[in-house]
């Protein structure tokens, strides 16, 4: 998911909805803040935006890789909580029947 430091509030809500959808499906999300021109001299704006996103999606996932500057971009990886990612398998189910074919 790619964002800019000066993102509008409605655009932010749209991107946040996409991140929530991916986390509900059990996928990891790589969030990238792209800096251009003079925005590169203010990395704290991108850091605050990523922190805000992490706080907003806290119930669905956690920050797997904290925000770090990578050239013109700042990157953060968010992973879903284990309960949303793993499907439960019942251990009480009978074992499948063995085949009667000779070995």
PDB file of N, CA and C in Angstrom:
ATOM      1  N   UNK A   1       0.855  -1.155   0.000  1.00  0.00           N
ATOM      2  CA  UNK A   1       0.000   0.000   0.000  1.00  0.00           C
ATOM      3  C   UNK A   1       0.908   1.226   0.000  1.00  0.00           C
ATOM      4  N   UNK A   2       0.713   2.100  -0.944  1.00  0.00           N
ATOM      5  CA  UNK A   2       1.571   3.281  -1.063  1.00  0.00           C
ATOM      6  C   UNK A   2       0.806   4.530  -0.647  1.00  0.00           C
ATOM      7  N   UNK A   3       1.455   5.353   0.150  1.00  0.00           N
ATOM      8  CA  UNK A   3       0.879   6.600   0.643  1.00  0.00           C
ATOM      9  C   UNK A   3       1.856   7.745   0.422  1.00  0.00           C
ATOM     10  N   UNK A   4       1.354   8.959   0.547  1.00  0.00           N
ATOM     11  CA  UNK A   4       2.190  10.155   0.511  1.00  0.00           C
ATOM     12  C   UNK A   4       2.045  10.869   1.857  1.00  0.00           C
ATOM     13  N   UNK A   5       3.030  11.648   2.286  1.00  0.00           N
ATOM     14  CA  UNK A   5       2.943  12.308   3.592  1.00  0.00           C
ATOM     15  C   UNK A   5       1.769  13.285   3.707  1.00  0.00           C
ATOM     16  N   UNK A   6       1.391  13.926   2.625  1.00  0.00           N
ATOM     17  CA  UNK A   6       0.315  14.928   2.673  1.00  0.00           C
ATOM     18  C   UNK A   6      -0.990  14.344   2.122  1.00  0.00           C
ATOM     19  N   UNK A   7      -1.349  13.143   2.567  1.00  0.00           N
ATOM     20  CA  UNK A   7      -2.552  12.471   2.080  1.00  0.00           C
ATOM     21  C   UNK A   7      -3.796  13.120   2.689  1.00  0.00           C
ATOM     22  N   UNK A   8      -4.853  13.228   1.894  1.00  0.00           N
ATOM     23  CA  UNK A   8      -6.109  13.795   2.360  1.00  0.00           C
ATOM     24  C   UNK A   8      -6.797  12.797   3.300  1.00  0.00           C
ATOM     25  N   UNK A   9      -7.656  13.291   4.190  1.00  0.00           N
ATOM     26  CA  UNK A   9      -8.279  12.419   5.190  1.00  0.00           C
ATOM     27  C   UNK A   9      -9.153  11.344   4.540  1.00  0.00           C
ATOM     28  N   UNK A  10      -9.906  11.679   3.497  1.00  0.00           N
ATOM     29  CA  UNK A  10     -10.743  10.672   2.839  1.00  0.00           C
ATOM     30  C   UNK A  10      -9.886   9.624   2.137  1.00  0.00           C
ATOM     31  N   UNK A  11      -8.810  10.059   1.498  1.00  0.00           N
ATOM     32  CA  UNK A  11      -7.908   9.106   0.839  1.00  0.00           C
ATOM     33  C   UNK A  11      -7.260   8.182   1.866  1.00  0.00           C
ATOM     34  N   UNK A  12      -6.923   8.747   3.031  1.00  0.00           N
ATOM     35  CA  UNK A  12      -6.344   7.929   4.100  1.00  0.00           C
ATOM     36  C   UNK A  12      -7.331   6.852   4.543  1.00  0.00           C
ATOM     37  N   UNK A  13      -8.600   7.225   4.705  1.00  0.00           N
ATOM     38  CA  UNK A  13      -9.606   6.251   5.136  1.00  0.00           C
ATOM     39  C   UNK A  13      -9.786   5.155   4.093  1.00  0.00           C
ATOM     40  N   UNK A  14      -9.701   5.511   2.813  1.00  0.00           N
ATOM     41  CA  UNK A  14      -9.811   4.508   1.752  1.00  0.00           C
ATOM     42  C   UNK A  14      -8.646   3.526   1.818  1.00  0.00           C
ATOM     43  N   UNK A  15      -7.430   4.052   1.944  1.00  0.00           N
ATOM     44  CA  UNK A  15      -6.244   3.187   2.022  1.00  0.00           C
ATOM     45  C   UNK A  15      -6.290   2.323   3.276  1.00  0.00           C
ATOM     46  N   UNK A  16      -6.743   2.903   4.387  1.00  0.00           N
ATOM     47  CA  UNK A  16      -6.861   2.140   5.632  1.00  0.00           C
ATOM     48  C   UNK A  16      -7.852   1.001   5.460  1.00  0.00           C
ATOM     49  N   UNK A  17      -8.947   1.230   4.737  1.00  0.00           N
ATOM     50  CA  UNK A  17      -9.920   0.176   4.464  1.00  0.00           C
ATOM     51  C   UNK A  17      -9.310  -0.960   3.669  1.00  0.00           C
ATOM     52  N   UNK A  18      -8.439  -0.632   2.702  1.00  0.00           N
ATOM     53  CA  UNK A  18      -7.762  -1.670   1.925  1.00  0.00           C
ATOM     54  C   UNK A  18      -6.836  -2.492   2.821  1.00  0.00           C
ATOM     55  N   UNK A  19      -6.106  -1.814   3.701  1.00  0.00           N
ATOM     56  CA  UNK A  19      -5.201  -2.518   4.616  1.00  0.00           C
ATOM     57  C   UNK A  19      -6.003  -3.445   5.525  1.00  0.00           C
ATOM     58  N   UNK A  20      -7.137  -2.960   6.035  1.00  0.00           N
ATOM     59  CA  UNK A  20      -7.973  -3.794   6.899  1.00  0.00           C
ATOM     60  C   UNK A  20      -8.479  -5.019   6.157  1.00  0.00           C
ATOM     61  N   UNK A  21      -8.868  -4.851   4.891  1.00  0.00           N
ATOM     62  CA  UNK A  21      -9.360  -5.978   4.095  1.00  0.00           C
ATOM     63  C   UNK A  21      -8.271  -7.035   3.913  1.00  0.00           C
ATOM     64  N   UNK A  22      -7.053  -6.593   3.614  1.00  0.00           N
ATOM     65  CA  UNK A  22      -5.950  -7.542   3.444  1.00  0.00           C
ATOM     66  C   UNK A  22      -5.660  -8.284   4.740  1.00  0.00           C
ATOM     67  N   UNK A  23      -5.678  -7.577   5.867  1.00  0.00           N
ATOM     68  CA  UNK A  23      -5.399  -8.227   7.151  1.00  0.00           C
ATOM     69  C   UNK A  23      -6.494  -9.227   7.509  1.00  0.00           C
ATOM     70  N   UNK A  24      -7.745  -8.910   7.200  1.00  0.00           N
ATOM     71  CA  UNK A  24      -8.844  -9.838   7.485  1.00  0.00           C
ATOM     72  C   UNK A  24      -8.721 -11.107   6.655  1.00  0.00           C
ATOM     73  N   UNK A  25      -8.121 -11.006   5.467  1.00  0.00           N
ATOM     74  CA  UNK A  25      -7.912 -12.176   4.626  1.00  0.00           C
ATOM     75  C   UNK A  25      -6.699 -12.990   5.078  1.00  0.00           C
ATOM     76  N   UNK A  26      -5.946 -12.460   6.050  1.00  0.00           N
ATOM     77  CA  UNK A  26      -4.787 -13.180   6.566  1.00  0.00           C
ATOM     78  C   UNK A  26      -3.494 -12.842   5.857  1.00  0.00           C
ATOM     79  N   UNK A  27      -3.468 -11.754   5.085  1.00  0.00           N
ATOM     80  CA  UNK A  27      -2.271 -11.368   4.340  1.00  0.00           C
ATOM     81  C   UNK A  27      -1.475 -10.304   5.086  1.00  0.00           C
ATOM     82  N   UNK A  28      -0.169 -10.306   4.861  1.00  0.00           N
ATOM     83  CA  UNK A  28       0.676  -9.235   5.376  1.00  0.00           C
ATOM     84  C   UNK A  28       0.548  -8.027   4.454  1.00  0.00           C
ATOM     85  N   UNK A  29       0.811  -6.843   4.999  1.00  0.00           N
ATOM     86  CA  UNK A  29       0.712  -5.619   4.209  1.00  0.00           C
ATOM     87  C   UNK A  29       2.000  -4.819   4.373  1.00  0.00           C
ATOM     88  N   UNK A  30       2.595  -4.445   3.257  1.00  0.00           N
ATOM     89  CA  UNK A  30       3.771  -3.578   3.259  1.00  0.00           C
ATOM     90  C   UNK A  30       3.282  -2.168   2.934  1.00  0.00           C
ATOM     91  N   UNK A  31       3.451  -1.261   3.886  1.00  0.00           N
ATOM     92  CA  UNK A  31       2.997   0.112   3.719  1.00  0.00           C
ATOM     93  C   UNK A  31       4.216   0.977   3.405  1.00  0.00           C
ATOM     94  N   UNK A  32       4.143   1.729   2.304  1.00  0.00           N
ATOM     95  CA  UNK A  32       5.254   2.563   1.860  1.00  0.00           C
ATOM     96  C   UNK A  32       4.808   4.012   1.814  1.00  0.00           C
ATOM     97  N   UNK A  33       5.589   4.888   2.446  1.00  0.00           N
ATOM     98  CA  UNK A  33       5.386   6.332   2.337  1.00  0.00           C
ATOM     99  C   UNK A  33       6.404   6.839   1.327  1.00  0.00           C
ATOM    100  N   UNK A  34       5.922   7.464   0.260  1.00  0.00           N
ATOM    101  CA  UNK A  34       6.819   7.974  -0.780  1.00  0.00           C
ATOM    102  C   UNK A  34       7.041   9.467  -0.569  1.00  0.00           C
ATOM    103  N   UNK A  35       8.295   9.867  -0.434  1.00  0.00           N
ATOM    104  CA  UNK A  35       8.660  11.268  -0.255  1.00  0.00           C
ATOM    105  C   UNK A  35       9.145  11.839  -1.579  1.00  0.00           C
ATOM    106  N   UNK A  36       8.759  13.081  -1.856  1.00  0.00           N
ATOM    107  CA  UNK A  36       9.219  13.751  -3.068  1.00  0.00           C
ATOM    108  C   UNK A  36       9.720  15.144  -2.710  1.00  0.00           C
ATOM    109  N   UNK A  37      10.783  15.553  -3.363  1.00  0.00           N
ATOM    110  CA  UNK A  37      11.286  16.914  -3.205  1.00  0.00           C
ATOM    111  C   UNK A  37      11.635  17.264  -1.774  1.00  0.00           C
ATOM    112  N   UNK A  38      11.066  18.359  -1.304  1.00  0.00           N
ATOM    113  CA  UNK A  38      11.369  18.854   0.046  1.00  0.00           C
ATOM    114  C   UNK A  38      10.765  17.998   1.147  1.00  0.00           C
ATOM    115  N   UNK A  39       9.847  17.109   0.799  1.00  0.00           N
ATOM    116  CA  UNK A  39       9.262  16.221   1.804  1.00  0.00           C
ATOM    117  C   UNK A  39      10.327  15.306   2.409  1.00  0.00           C
ATOM    118  N   UNK A  40      11.411  15.073   1.681  1.00  0.00           N
ATOM    119  CA  UNK A  40      12.465  14.189   2.170  1.00  0.00           C
ATOM    120  C   UNK A  40      13.160  14.749   3.406  1.00  0.00           C
ATOM    121  N   UNK A  41      13.090  16.062   3.583  1.00  0.00           N
ATOM    122  CA  UNK A  41      13.725  16.667   4.753  1.00  0.00           C
ATOM    123  C   UNK A  41      12.833  16.579   5.985  1.00  0.00           C
ATOM    124  N   UNK A  42      11.611  16.030   5.867  1.00  0.00           N
ATOM    125  CA  UNK A  42      10.687  15.907   6.994  1.00  0.00           C
ATOM    126  C   UNK A  42      10.208  14.462   7.167  1.00  0.00           C
ATOM    127  N   UNK A  43      11.126  13.537   7.474  1.00  0.00           N
ATOM    128  CA  UNK A  43      10.706  12.130   7.613  1.00  0.00           C
ATOM    129  C   UNK A  43       9.761  11.896   8.791  1.00  0.00           C
ATOM    130  N   UNK A  44       9.730  12.820   9.754  1.00  0.00           N
ATOM    131  CA  UNK A  44       8.838  12.634  10.902  1.00  0.00           C
ATOM    132  C   UNK A  44       7.368  12.671  10.489  1.00  0.00           C
ATOM    133  N   UNK A  45       7.042  13.343   9.372  1.00  0.00           N
ATOM    134  CA  UNK A  45       5.659  13.350   8.886  1.00  0.00           C
ATOM    135  C   UNK A  45       5.241  11.944   8.465  1.00  0.00           C
ATOM    136  N   UNK A  46       6.107  11.260   7.750  1.00  0.00           N
ATOM    137  CA  UNK A  46       5.819   9.886   7.340  1.00  0.00           C
ATOM    138  C   UNK A  46       5.756   8.944   8.529  1.00  0.00           C
ATOM    139  N   UNK A  47       6.661   9.142   9.493  1.00  0.00           N
ATOM    140  CA  UNK A  47       6.674   8.295  10.678  1.00  0.00           C
ATOM    141  C   UNK A  47       5.370   8.452  11.457  1.00  0.00           C
ATOM    142  N   UNK A  48       4.888   9.695  11.602  1.00  0.00           N
ATOM    143  CA  UNK A  48       3.632   9.927  12.316  1.00  0.00           C
ATOM    144  C   UNK A  48       2.449   9.296  11.590  1.00  0.00           C
ATOM    145  N   UNK A  49       2.463   9.355  10.260  1.00  0.00           N
ATOM    146  CA  UNK A  49       1.382   8.758   9.476  1.00  0.00           C
ATOM    147  C   UNK A  49       1.366   7.239   9.652  1.00  0.00           C
ATOM    148  N   UNK A  50       2.533   6.608   9.636  1.00  0.00           N
ATOM    149  CA  UNK A  50       2.604   5.164   9.833  1.00  0.00           C
ATOM    150  C   UNK A  50       2.177   4.770  11.244  1.00  0.00           C
ATOM    151  N   UNK A  51       2.550   5.573  12.238  1.00  0.00           N
ATOM    152  CA  UNK A  51       2.129   5.299  13.613  1.00  0.00           C
ATOM    153  C   UNK A  51       0.611   5.408  13.736  1.00  0.00           C
ATOM    154  N   UNK A  52       0.035   6.409  13.071  1.00  0.00           N
ATOM    155  CA  UNK A  52      -1.425   6.591  13.098  1.00  0.00           C
ATOM    156  C   UNK A  52      -2.113   5.377  12.472  1.00  0.00           C
ATOM    157  N   UNK A  53      -1.593   4.899  11.350  1.00  0.00           N
ATOM    158  CA  UNK A  53      -2.164   3.724  10.701  1.00  0.00           C
ATOM    159  C   UNK A  53      -2.038   2.494  11.601  1.00  0.00           C
ATOM    160  N   UNK A  54      -0.890   2.326  12.237  1.00  0.00           N
ATOM    161  CA  UNK A  54      -0.679   1.188  13.131  1.00  0.00           C
ATOM    162  C   UNK A  54      -1.661   1.226  14.303  1.00  0.00           C
ATOM    163  N   UNK A  55      -1.925   2.413  14.833  1.00  0.00           N
ATOM    164  CA  UNK A  55      -2.891   2.539  15.929  1.00  0.00           C
ATOM    165  C   UNK A  55      -4.311   2.240  15.464  1.00  0.00           C
ATOM    166  N   UNK A  56      -4.646   2.665  14.235  1.00  0.00           N
ATOM    167  CA  UNK A  56      -5.999   2.467  13.716  1.00  0.00           C
ATOM    168  C   UNK A  56      -6.308   0.998  13.427  1.00  0.00           C
ATOM    169  N   UNK A  57      -5.310   0.210  13.066  1.00  0.00           N
ATOM    170  CA  UNK A  57      -5.550  -1.195  12.715  1.00  0.00           C
ATOM    171  C   UNK A  57      -5.046  -2.148  13.798  1.00  0.00           C
ATOM    172  N   UNK A  58      -4.850  -1.646  14.982  1.00  0.00           N
ATOM    173  CA  UNK A  58      -4.267  -2.420  16.081  1.00  0.00           C
ATOM    174  C   UNK A  58      -5.060  -3.690  16.395  1.00  0.00           C
ATOM    175  N   UNK A  59      -6.392  -3.659  16.277  1.00  0.00           N
ATOM    176  CA  UNK A  59      -7.192  -4.838  16.613  1.00  0.00           C
ATOM    177  C   UNK A  59      -7.098  -5.930  15.546  1.00  0.00           C
ATOM    178  N   UNK A  60      -6.675  -5.579  14.319  1.00  0.00           N
ATOM    179  CA  UNK A  60      -6.585  -6.564  13.242  1.00  0.00           C
ATOM    180  C   UNK A  60      -5.186  -7.125  13.039  1.00  0.00           C
ATOM    181  N   UNK A  61      -4.158  -6.322  13.343  1.00  0.00           N
ATOM    182  CA  UNK A  61      -2.799  -6.771  13.086  1.00  0.00           C
ATOM    183  C   UNK A  61      -1.793  -6.059  13.958  1.00  0.00           C
ATOM    184  N   UNK A  62      -0.531  -6.434  13.774  1.00  0.00           N
ATOM    185  CA  UNK A  62       0.539  -5.829  14.551  1.00  0.00           C
ATOM    186  C   UNK A  62       1.675  -5.452  13.604  1.00  0.00           C
ATOM    187  N   UNK A  63       2.536  -4.555  14.061  1.00  0.00           N
ATOM    188  CA  UNK A  63       3.664  -4.106  13.255  1.00  0.00           C
ATOM    189  C   UNK A  63       4.753  -5.157  13.321  1.00  0.00           C
ATOM    190  N   UNK A  64       5.000  -5.795  12.196  1.00  0.00           N
ATOM    191  CA  UNK A  64       6.027  -6.834  12.131  1.00  0.00           C
ATOM    192  C   UNK A  64       7.408  -6.223  11.928  1.00  0.00           C
ATOM    193  N   UNK A  65       7.497  -5.206  11.075  1.00  0.00           N
ATOM    194  CA  UNK A  65       8.754  -4.494  10.835  1.00  0.00           C
ATOM    195  C   UNK A  65       8.481  -3.004  11.048  1.00  0.00           C
ATOM    196  N   UNK A  66       9.148  -2.432  12.036  1.00  0.00           N
ATOM    197  CA  UNK A  66       8.901  -1.030  12.364  1.00  0.00           C
ATOM    198  C   UNK A  66       9.318  -0.114  11.213  1.00  0.00           C
ATOM    199  N   UNK A  67       8.781   1.111  11.183  1.00  0.00           N
ATOM    200  CA  UNK A  67       9.088   2.031  10.080  1.00  0.00           C
ATOM    201  C   UNK A  67      10.579   2.326   9.981  1.00  0.00           C
ATOM    202  N   UNK A  68      11.086   2.252   8.753  1.00  0.00           N
ATOM    203  CA  UNK A  68      12.483   2.600   8.525  1.00  0.00           C
ATOM    204  C   UNK A  68      12.611   3.314   7.192  1.00  0.00           C
ATOM    205  N   UNK A  69      13.544   4.244   7.140  1.00  0.00           N
ATOM    206  CA  UNK A  69      13.788   5.035   5.938  1.00  0.00           C
ATOM    207  C   UNK A  69      14.618   4.223   4.956  1.00  0.00           C
ATOM    208  N   UNK A  70      14.178   4.207   3.702  1.00  0.00           N
ATOM    209  CA  UNK A  70      14.887   3.485   2.658  1.00  0.00           C
ATOM    210  C   UNK A  70      14.969   4.399   1.438  1.00  0.00           C
ATOM    211  N   UNK A  71      15.979   5.255   1.406  1.00  0.00           N
ATOM    212  CA  UNK A  71      16.104   6.213   0.311  1.00  0.00           C
ATOM    213  C   UNK A  71      14.991   7.239   0.360  1.00  0.00           C
ATOM    214  N   UNK A  72      14.200   7.312  -0.700  1.00  0.00           N
ATOM    215  CA  UNK A  72      13.077   8.253  -0.755  1.00  0.00           C
ATOM    216  C   UNK A  72      11.823   7.704  -0.100  1.00  0.00           C
ATOM    217  N   UNK A  73      11.846   6.485   0.354  1.00  0.00           N
ATOM    218  CA  UNK A  73      10.658   5.836   0.909  1.00  0.00           C
ATOM    219  C   UNK A  73      10.853   5.472   2.368  1.00  0.00           C
ATOM    220  N   UNK A  74       9.734   5.364   3.082  1.00  0.00           N
ATOM    221  CA  UNK A  74       9.719   4.841   4.442  1.00  0.00           C
ATOM    222  C   UNK A  74       8.795   3.625   4.417  1.00  0.00           C
ATOM    223  N   UNK A  75       9.267   2.501   4.960  1.00  0.00           N
ATOM    224  CA  UNK A  75       8.563   1.235   4.824  1.00  0.00           C
ATOM    225  C   UNK A  75       8.221   0.657   6.194  1.00  0.00           C
ATOM    226  N   UNK A  76       7.015   0.073   6.292  1.00  0.00           N
ATOM    227  CA  UNK A  76       6.575  -0.622   7.495  1.00  0.00           C
ATOM    228  C   UNK A  76       5.797  -1.860   7.041  1.00  0.00           C
ATOM    229  N   UNK A  77       5.967  -2.976   7.737  1.00  0.00           N
ATOM    230  CA  UNK A  77       5.237  -4.204   7.415  1.00  0.00           C
ATOM    231  C   UNK A  77       4.289  -4.515   8.561  1.00  0.00           C
ATOM    232  N   UNK A  78       3.027  -4.778   8.213  1.00  0.00           N
ATOM    233  CA  UNK A  78       1.997  -5.111   9.194  1.00  0.00           C
ATOM    234  C   UNK A  78       1.524  -6.533   8.902  1.00  0.00           C
ATOM    235  N   UNK A  79       1.433  -7.350   9.944  1.00  0.00           N
ATOM    236  CA  UNK A  79       0.989  -8.733   9.802  1.00  0.00           C
ATOM    237  C   UNK A  79      -0.293  -8.935  10.609  1.00  0.00           C
ATOM    238  N   UNK A  80      -1.165  -9.833  10.170  1.00  0.00           N
ATOM    239  CA  UNK A  80      -2.399 -10.096  10.928  1.00  0.00           C
ATOM    240  C   UNK A  80      -2.084 -10.864  12.211  1.00  0.00           C
ATOM    241  N   UNK A  81      -2.973 -10.718  13.191  1.00  0.00           N
ATOM    242  CA  UNK A  81      -2.835 -11.516  14.405  1.00  0.00           C
ATOM    243  C   UNK A  81      -3.016 -12.984  14.049  1.00  0.00           C
ATOM    244  N   UNK A  82      -2.450 -13.877  14.827  1.00  0.00           N
ATOM    245  CA  UNK A  82      -2.491 -15.311  14.514  1.00  0.00           C
ATOM    246  C   UNK A  82      -3.914 -15.852  14.481  1.00  0.00           C
ATOM    247  N   UNK A  83      -4.797 -15.333  15.314  1.00  0.00           N
ATOM    248  CA  UNK A  83      -6.157 -15.868  15.355  1.00  0.00           C
ATOM    249  C   UNK A  83      -6.900 -15.643  14.041  1.00  0.00           C
ATOM    250  N   UNK A  84      -6.559 -14.585  13.300  1.00  0.00           N
ATOM    251  CA  UNK A  84      -7.232 -14.343  12.031  1.00  0.00           C
ATOM    252  C   UNK A  84      -6.559 -15.090  10.892  1.00  0.00           C
ATOM    253  N   UNK A  85      -5.318 -15.492  11.084  1.00  0.00           N
ATOM    254  CA  UNK A  85      -4.567 -16.108  10.000  1.00  0.00           C
ATOM    255  C   UNK A  85      -4.697 -17.631   9.992  1.00  0.00           C
ATOM    256  N   UNK A  86      -4.773 -18.263  11.138  1.00  0.00           N
ATOM    257  CA  UNK A  86      -4.771 -19.723  11.225  1.00  0.00           C
ATOM    258  C   UNK A  86      -6.209 -20.226  11.306  1.00  0.00           C
ATOM    259  N   UNK A  87      -6.536 -21.193  10.484  1.00  0.00           N
ATOM    260  CA  UNK A  87      -7.840 -21.831  10.582  1.00  0.00           C
ATOM    261  C   UNK A  87      -7.710 -23.021  11.518  1.00  0.00           C
ATOM    262  N   UNK A  88      -8.679 -23.193  12.375  1.00  0.00           N
ATOM    263  CA  UNK A  88      -8.639 -24.267  13.374  1.00  0.00           C
ATOM    264  C   UNK A  88      -8.982 -25.601  12.720  1.00  0.00           C
ATOM    265  N   UNK A  89      -8.231 -26.631  13.047  1.00  0.00           N
ATOM    266  CA  UNK A  89      -8.480 -27.976  12.549  1.00  0.00           C
ATOM    267  C   UNK A  89      -8.894 -28.826  13.734  1.00  0.00           C
ATOM    268  N   UNK A  90      -9.999 -29.550  13.590  1.00  0.00           N
ATOM    269  CA  UNK A  90     -10.496 -30.395  14.661  1.00  0.00           C
ATOM    270  C   UNK A  90      -9.656 -31.672  14.731  1.00  0.00           C
ATOM    271  N   UNK A  91      -9.168 -31.995  15.935  1.00  0.00           N
ATOM    272  CA  UNK A  91      -8.374 -33.206  16.121  1.00  0.00           C
ATOM    273  C   UNK A  91      -9.258 -34.406  16.447  1.00  0.00           C
ATOM    274  N   UNK A  92     -10.575 -34.192  16.618  1.00  0.00           N
ATOM    275  CA  UNK A  92     -11.499 -35.277  16.937  1.00  0.00           C
ATOM    276  C   UNK A  92     -12.029 -35.961  15.682  1.00  0.00           C
ATOM    277  N   UNK A  93     -11.715 -35.467  14.521  1.00  0.00           N
ATOM    278  CA  UNK A  93     -12.222 -36.046  13.274  1.00  0.00           C
ATOM    279  C   UNK A  93     -11.563 -37.400  13.041  1.00  0.00           C
ATOM    280  N   UNK A  94     -12.304 -38.366  12.508  1.00  0.00           N
ATOM    281  CA  UNK A  94     -11.713 -39.689  12.256  1.00  0.00           C
ATOM    282  C   UNK A  94     -10.677 -39.615  11.146  1.00  0.00           C
ATOM    283  N   UNK A  95      -9.708 -40.514  11.225  1.00  0.00           N
ATOM    284  CA  UNK A  95      -8.645 -40.557  10.210  1.00  0.00           C
ATOM    285  C   UNK A  95      -9.223 -41.089   8.912  1.00  0.00           C
ATOM    286  N   UNK A  96      -8.701 -40.656   7.771  1.00  0.00           N
ATOM    287  CA  UNK A  96      -9.211 -41.161   6.493  1.00  0.00           C
ATOM    288  C   UNK A  96      -8.894 -42.645   6.374  1.00  0.00           C
ATOM    289  N   UNK A  97      -9.755 -43.407   5.690  1.00  0.00           N
ATOM    290  CA  UNK A  97      -9.533 -44.855   5.594  1.00  0.00           C
ATOM    291  C   UNK A  97      -8.270 -45.172   4.786  1.00  0.00           C
ATOM    292  N   UNK A  98      -7.574 -46.224   5.215  1.00  0.00           N
ATOM    293  CA  UNK A  98      -6.350 -46.642   4.527  1.00  0.00           C
ATOM    294  C   UNK A  98      -6.742 -47.303   3.213  1.00  0.00           C
ATOM    295  N   UNK A  99      -5.918 -47.139   2.201  1.00  0.00           N
ATOM    296  CA  UNK A  99      -6.218 -47.756   0.913  1.00  0.00           C
ATOM    297  C   UNK A  99      -5.894 -49.260   0.967  1.00  0.00           C
ATOM    298  N   UNK A 100      -6.641 -50.049   0.208  1.00  0.00           N
ATOM    299  CA  UNK A 100      -6.477 -51.495   0.199  1.00  0.00           C
ATOM    300  C   UNK A 100      -5.502 -51.953  -0.893  1.00  0.00           C
ATOM    301  N   UNK A 101      -4.845 -51.036  -1.545  1.00  0.00           N
ATOM    302  CA  UNK A 101      -3.938 -51.397  -2.637  1.00  0.00           C
ATOM    303  C   UNK A 101      -2.658 -52.002  -2.056  1.00  0.00           C
ATOM    304  N   UNK A 102      -2.130 -53.057  -2.716  1.00  0.00           N
ATOM    305  CA  UNK A 102      -0.880 -53.672  -2.223  1.00  0.00           C
ATOM    306  C   UNK A 102       0.291 -52.713  -2.438  1.00  0.00           C
ATOM    307  N   UNK A 103       1.284 -52.868  -1.597  1.00  0.00           N
ATOM    308  CA  UNK A 103       2.426 -51.955  -1.680  1.00  0.00           C
ATOM    309  C   UNK A 103       3.625 -52.576  -2.288  1.00  0.00           C
TER     310      UNK A 103
END
